[in-house]
Amino acid sequence: MEELWLISEFEKIAALNPDKVIRLLKKDKELFWEVVVSAYLDRKISLGKAAELLGMTREELIEEFHKRGIPIRKLSKEDVIAEVEALNCL
């Protein structure tokens, strides 16, 4: 792909102005979904955090993952702690 330089430039801008890039990502619901799901699959965020970011309940997200064939991770100790912290924010 010829435009790969765009990605590296985007990464630089994101490092300098993360709030602007986050606002931009949130405007594109489909792209934001992909970013959040990717972060979940890469174990960077918990299922509860993914649901929170996507404006869904944990149960709704699990149902959507099942529909799309996205695997649900087994909870690690860190995941359980993150889930409890997410619930405490409600």
Protein backbone atom coordinates (compact mmCIF):
# COMPACT_ATOMS: atom_id res chain seq x y z
CA MET A 1 0.00 0.00 0.00
CA GLU A 2 1.44 3.32 -1.05
CA GLU A 3 -0.11 5.36 1.75
CA LEU A 4 1.52 3.54 4.67
CA TRP A 5 3.32 6.77 5.49
CA LEU A 6 -0.08 8.14 6.54
CA ILE A 7 -0.24 5.65 9.38
CA SER A 8 3.16 6.61 10.76
CA GLU A 9 2.24 10.30 10.54
CA PHE A 10 -1.07 9.59 12.27
CA GLU A 11 0.81 7.83 15.07
CA LYS A 12 3.04 10.90 15.52
CA ILE A 13 0.03 13.20 15.70
CA ALA A 14 -1.66 10.84 18.15
CA ALA A 15 1.40 10.97 20.40
CA LEU A 16 1.40 14.77 20.33
CA ASN A 17 -2.35 15.31 20.57
CA PRO A 18 -4.09 12.16 21.84
CA ASP A 19 -7.36 13.92 22.78
CA LYS A 20 -7.85 15.14 19.22
CA VAL A 21 -7.23 11.67 17.78
CA ILE A 22 -9.58 10.05 20.30
CA ARG A 23 -12.34 12.51 19.37
CA LEU A 24 -11.74 11.74 15.71
CA LEU A 25 -11.87 7.96 16.30
CA LYS A 26 -15.10 8.23 18.28
CA LYS A 27 -16.78 10.02 15.36
CA ASP A 28 -16.37 6.90 13.20
CA LYS A 29 -18.40 4.34 15.18
CA GLU A 30 -17.28 1.37 13.08
CA LEU A 31 -13.58 2.24 13.34
CA PHE A 32 -13.92 2.92 17.08
CA TRP A 33 -15.61 -0.48 17.48
CA GLU A 34 -12.69 -2.15 15.69
CA VAL A 35 -10.11 -0.34 17.83
CA VAL A 36 -11.88 -1.24 21.09
CA VAL A 37 -12.37 -4.90 20.10
CA SER A 38 -8.75 -5.13 19.01
CA ALA A 39 -7.61 -3.72 22.36
CA TYR A 40 -9.84 -6.25 24.14
CA LEU A 41 -8.47 -9.16 22.10
CA ASP A 42 -4.91 -7.95 22.74
CA ARG A 43 -5.68 -7.96 26.50
CA LYS A 44 -5.12 -4.21 26.78
CA ILE A 45 -8.63 -3.65 28.20
CA SER A 46 -11.19 -5.82 29.95
CA LEU A 47 -14.56 -6.85 28.61
CA GLY A 48 -16.19 -4.44 31.05
CA LYS A 49 -14.02 -1.55 29.85
CA ALA A 50 -14.75 -2.43 26.22
CA ALA A 51 -18.47 -2.40 26.97
CA GLU A 52 -18.17 0.93 28.77
CA LEU A 53 -16.27 2.51 25.86
CA LEU A 54 -18.84 1.22 23.38
CA GLY A 55 -21.79 2.43 25.47
CA MET A 56 -23.11 -1.08 26.06
CA THR A 57 -23.67 -3.34 29.00
CA ARG A 58 -21.29 -6.22 29.48
CA GLU A 59 -24.10 -8.65 28.60
CA GLU A 60 -24.96 -6.75 25.40
CA LEU A 61 -21.33 -6.84 24.33
CA ILE A 62 -21.05 -10.57 25.03
CA GLU A 63 -24.15 -11.14 22.91
CA GLU A 64 -22.71 -8.99 20.09
CA PHE A 65 -19.39 -10.84 20.29
CA HIS A 66 -21.24 -14.16 19.97
CA LYS A 67 -23.13 -12.87 16.91
CA ARG A 68 -19.88 -11.75 15.28
CA GLY A 69 -17.88 -14.81 16.25
CA ILE A 70 -15.50 -12.85 18.48
CA PRO A 71 -14.07 -15.02 21.26
CA ILE A 72 -14.67 -14.15 24.90
CA ARG A 73 -11.48 -14.33 26.94
CA LYS A 74 -11.30 -16.25 30.17
CA LEU A 75 -10.95 -13.81 33.05
CA SER A 76 -7.52 -13.35 34.54
CA LYS A 77 -6.97 -11.90 38.02
CA GLU A 78 -6.32 -8.50 36.39
CA ASP A 79 -9.56 -8.79 34.40
CA VAL A 80 -11.55 -9.47 37.56
CA ILE A 81 -10.00 -6.43 39.27
CA ALA A 82 -10.76 -4.26 36.22
CA GLU A 83 -14.35 -5.52 36.12
CA VAL A 84 -14.84 -4.66 39.82
CA GLU A 85 -13.32 -1.20 39.25
CA ALA A 86 -15.65 -0.65 36.29
CA LEU A 87 -18.65 -1.62 38.43
CA ASN A 88 -17.53 0.73 41.19
CA CYS A 89 -17.62 3.62 38.68
CA LEU A 90 -21.37 3.13 38.12
